[in-house]
Amino acid sequence: QVHFVESGGDLVQPGGSLRLSCATSGIMFRIFVMGWYRQAPGKQRESVATITSGGTTNYADSVKGRFTISRDNAKNTVELQMNSLKPEDTAVYYCNARYMSSAYWGRGTQVTVSS
């Protein structure tokens, strides 16, 4: 059974930092492309950052230089370090695993950036 546990979402002031974590089970983690997506109220879900099994990363232009995605294939976890947070980063952040035609999602963790 596939199971994702996301954590780390919180209320933070502009300019602050948060670290999101996603612990997975039930998948062959090391072969999956892992990613973080986000969905703000009234907007479509969008890709924030992805990381391949080999460690190649890709970021949305809006977060380049501020966010860093990483993975630990021994612990089956993926993390997102978010620095210099802005109010427009406010959203529910979802962990995603993708391999060929298979895709799995976590339930999301709320990130709110506000003074």
C-alpha atoms as a PDB file:
ATOM      1  CA  GLN A   1       0.000   0.000   0.000  1.00  0.00           C
ATOM      2  CA  VAL A   2       1.384   3.366  -1.043  1.00  0.00           C
ATOM      3  CA  HIS A   3       1.612   5.859   1.778  1.00  0.00           C
ATOM      4  CA  PHE A   4       3.034   9.382   1.852  1.00  0.00           C
ATOM      5  CA  VAL A   5       3.424  11.482   4.995  1.00  0.00           C
ATOM      6  CA  GLU A   6       4.141  15.156   4.407  1.00  0.00           C
ATOM      7  CA  SER A   7       5.246  17.464   7.170  1.00  0.00           C
ATOM      8  CA  GLY A   8       6.788  20.865   7.763  1.00  0.00           C
ATOM      9  CA  GLY A   9       4.058  23.204   6.621  1.00  0.00           C
ATOM     10  CA  ASP A  10       3.471  26.193   8.851  1.00  0.00           C
ATOM     11  CA  LEU A  11       2.721  29.897   9.103  1.00  0.00           C
ATOM     12  CA  VAL A  12       5.870  31.933   8.472  1.00  0.00           C
ATOM     13  CA  GLN A  13       6.660  35.597   7.946  1.00  0.00           C
ATOM     14  CA  PRO A  14       7.880  36.914   4.591  1.00  0.00           C
ATOM     15  CA  GLY A  15      11.592  36.299   4.259  1.00  0.00           C
ATOM     16  CA  GLY A  16      11.436  33.255   6.487  1.00  0.00           C
ATOM     17  CA  SER A  17      12.299  29.628   5.797  1.00  0.00           C
ATOM     18  CA  LEU A  18      10.582  26.270   6.007  1.00  0.00           C
ATOM     19  CA  ARG A  19      11.651  22.720   5.264  1.00  0.00           C
ATOM     20  CA  LEU A  20       9.046  20.307   3.955  1.00  0.00           C
ATOM     21  CA  SER A  21       9.526  16.577   4.209  1.00  0.00           C
ATOM     22  CA  CYS A  22       7.754  13.655   2.564  1.00  0.00           C
ATOM     23  CA  ALA A  23       8.248  10.155   3.907  1.00  0.00           C
ATOM     24  CA  THR A  24       7.113   7.427   1.535  1.00  0.00           C
ATOM     25  CA  SER A  25       6.373   3.740   1.750  1.00  0.00           C
ATOM     26  CA  GLY A  26       4.952   1.142  -0.605  1.00  0.00           C
ATOM     27  CA  ILE A  27       6.865   2.241  -3.708  1.00  0.00           C
ATOM     28  CA  MET A  28      10.276   1.421  -5.149  1.00  0.00           C
ATOM     29  CA  PHE A  29      11.354   4.911  -4.194  1.00  0.00           C
ATOM     30  CA  ARG A  30      14.730   4.981  -5.891  1.00  0.00           C
ATOM     31  CA  ILE A  31      13.313   4.654  -9.410  1.00  0.00           C
ATOM     32  CA  PHE A  32      10.667   7.346  -9.080  1.00  0.00           C
ATOM     33  CA  VAL A  33      10.930  10.964 -10.099  1.00  0.00           C
ATOM     34  CA  MET A  34       9.953  12.830  -6.954  1.00  0.00           C
ATOM     35  CA  GLY A  35       8.463  16.259  -6.886  1.00  0.00           C
ATOM     36  CA  TRP A  36       6.756  18.977  -4.936  1.00  0.00           C
ATOM     37  CA  TYR A  37       3.706  20.701  -6.342  1.00  0.00           C
ATOM     38  CA  ARG A  38       1.548  23.439  -4.890  1.00  0.00           C
ATOM     39  CA  GLN A  39      -1.963  24.725  -5.251  1.00  0.00           C
ATOM     40  CA  ALA A  40      -3.046  28.152  -4.088  1.00  0.00           C
ATOM     41  CA  PRO A  41      -6.731  29.008  -3.577  1.00  0.00           C
ATOM     42  CA  GLY A  42      -8.457  29.526  -6.911  1.00  0.00           C
ATOM     43  CA  LYS A  43      -5.418  28.424  -8.900  1.00  0.00           C
ATOM     44  CA  GLN A  44      -4.340  25.265 -10.668  1.00  0.00           C
ATOM     45  CA  ARG A  45      -1.820  22.915  -9.132  1.00  0.00           C
ATOM     46  CA  GLU A  46       1.660  23.716 -10.378  1.00  0.00           C
ATOM     47  CA  SER A  47       5.042  22.054 -10.291  1.00  0.00           C
ATOM     48  CA  VAL A  48       7.495  23.609  -7.845  1.00  0.00           C
ATOM     49  CA  ALA A  49      10.492  21.297  -8.059  1.00  0.00           C
ATOM     50  CA  THR A  50      11.350  17.795  -9.223  1.00  0.00           C
ATOM     51  CA  ILE A  51      14.294  15.480  -8.753  1.00  0.00           C
ATOM     52  CA  THR A  52      15.094  12.374 -10.759  1.00  0.00           C
ATOM     53  CA  SER A  53      16.416   9.107  -9.431  1.00  0.00           C
ATOM     54  CA  GLY A  54      19.874  10.272 -10.432  1.00  0.00           C
ATOM     55  CA  GLY A  55      19.557  13.584  -8.655  1.00  0.00           C
ATOM     56  CA  THR A  56      18.840  15.901 -11.581  1.00  0.00           C
ATOM     57  CA  THR A  57      16.683  18.769 -10.382  1.00  0.00           C
ATOM     58  CA  ASN A  58      14.251  21.131 -12.046  1.00  0.00           C
ATOM     59  CA  TYR A  59      12.595  24.206 -10.574  1.00  0.00           C
ATOM     60  CA  ALA A  60       9.792  26.553 -11.435  1.00  0.00           C
ATOM     61  CA  ASP A  61      11.155  29.959 -12.402  1.00  0.00           C
ATOM     62  CA  SER A  62       9.328  31.526  -9.482  1.00  0.00           C
ATOM     63  CA  VAL A  63      11.332  29.545  -6.903  1.00  0.00           C
ATOM     64  CA  LYS A  64      14.762  29.258  -8.538  1.00  0.00           C
ATOM     65  CA  GLY A  65      17.483  30.370  -6.167  1.00  0.00           C
ATOM     66  CA  ARG A  66      15.174  30.174  -3.158  1.00  0.00           C
ATOM     67  CA  PHE A  67      14.030  26.544  -2.975  1.00  0.00           C
ATOM     68  CA  THR A  68      16.120  23.368  -2.972  1.00  0.00           C
ATOM     69  CA  ILE A  69      14.775  19.852  -3.468  1.00  0.00           C
ATOM     70  CA  SER A  70      16.676  16.825  -2.218  1.00  0.00           C
ATOM     71  CA  ARG A  71      16.085  13.126  -1.791  1.00  0.00           C
ATOM     72  CA  ASP A  72      17.426  10.312   0.354  1.00  0.00           C
ATOM     73  CA  ASN A  73      17.031   6.990  -1.417  1.00  0.00           C
ATOM     74  CA  ALA A  74      18.074   5.086   1.714  1.00  0.00           C
ATOM     75  CA  LYS A  75      15.331   6.674   3.818  1.00  0.00           C
ATOM     76  CA  ASN A  76      12.734   6.963   1.014  1.00  0.00           C
ATOM     77  CA  THR A  77      12.267  10.642   1.707  1.00  0.00           C
ATOM     78  CA  VAL A  78      12.186  13.821  -0.326  1.00  0.00           C
ATOM     79  CA  GLU A  79      12.547  17.293   1.124  1.00  0.00           C
ATOM     80  CA  LEU A  80      12.048  20.857  -0.003  1.00  0.00           C
ATOM     81  CA  GLN A  81      14.060  23.607   1.638  1.00  0.00           C
ATOM     82  CA  MET A  82      12.296  26.929   1.126  1.00  0.00           C
ATOM     83  CA  ASN A  83      14.121  30.177   1.839  1.00  0.00           C
ATOM     84  CA  SER A  84      13.222  33.820   1.342  1.00  0.00           C
ATOM     85  CA  LEU A  85       9.551  32.937   1.379  1.00  0.00           C
ATOM     86  CA  LYS A  86       7.074  35.336  -0.168  1.00  0.00           C
ATOM     87  CA  PRO A  87       3.323  35.754   0.357  1.00  0.00           C
ATOM     88  CA  GLU A  88       2.789  34.354  -3.135  1.00  0.00           C
ATOM     89  CA  ASP A  89       4.331  31.065  -1.964  1.00  0.00           C
ATOM     90  CA  THR A  90       1.247  30.507   0.156  1.00  0.00           C
ATOM     91  CA  ALA A  91      -0.372  27.247  -0.950  1.00  0.00           C
ATOM     92  CA  VAL A  92      -0.962  23.635  -0.112  1.00  0.00           C
ATOM     93  CA  TYR A  93       2.213  21.751  -1.032  1.00  0.00           C
ATOM     94  CA  TYR A  94       1.918  18.192  -2.310  1.00  0.00           C
ATOM     95  CA  CYS A  95       4.506  15.454  -2.583  1.00  0.00           C
ATOM     96  CA  ASN A  96       4.412  13.517  -5.855  1.00  0.00           C
ATOM     97  CA  ALA A  97       6.046  10.346  -7.127  1.00  0.00           C
ATOM     98  CA  ARG A  98       6.070   9.572 -10.845  1.00  0.00           C
ATOM     99  CA  TYR A  99       7.391   6.643 -12.885  1.00  0.00           C
ATOM    100  CA  MET A 100       6.222   5.946 -16.427  1.00  0.00           C
ATOM    101  CA  SER A 101       2.407   5.753 -16.207  1.00  0.00           C
ATOM    102  CA  SER A 102       2.273   5.566 -12.408  1.00  0.00           C
ATOM    103  CA  ALA A 103       1.797   8.622 -10.253  1.00  0.00           C
ATOM    104  CA  TYR A 104       1.100   9.000  -6.555  1.00  0.00           C
ATOM    105  CA  TRP A 105       0.220  12.021  -4.433  1.00  0.00           C
ATOM    106  CA  GLY A 106       0.401  12.930  -0.793  1.00  0.00           C
ATOM    107  CA  ARG A 107      -2.437  14.710   0.977  1.00  0.00           C
ATOM    108  CA  GLY A 108      -0.609  18.011   1.172  1.00  0.00           C
ATOM    109  CA  THR A 109       0.750  20.344   3.809  1.00  0.00           C
ATOM    110  CA  GLN A 110      -0.279  23.980   4.206  1.00  0.00           C
ATOM    111  CA  VAL A 111       2.317  26.718   3.850  1.00  0.00           C
ATOM    112  CA  THR A 112       1.184  30.230   4.704  1.00  0.00           C
ATOM    113  CA  VAL A 113       3.485  33.212   4.291  1.00  0.00           C
ATOM    114  CA  SER A 114       2.078  36.251   6.018  1.00  0.00           C
ATOM    115  CA  SER A 115       3.045  38.993   8.412  1.00  0.00           C
END
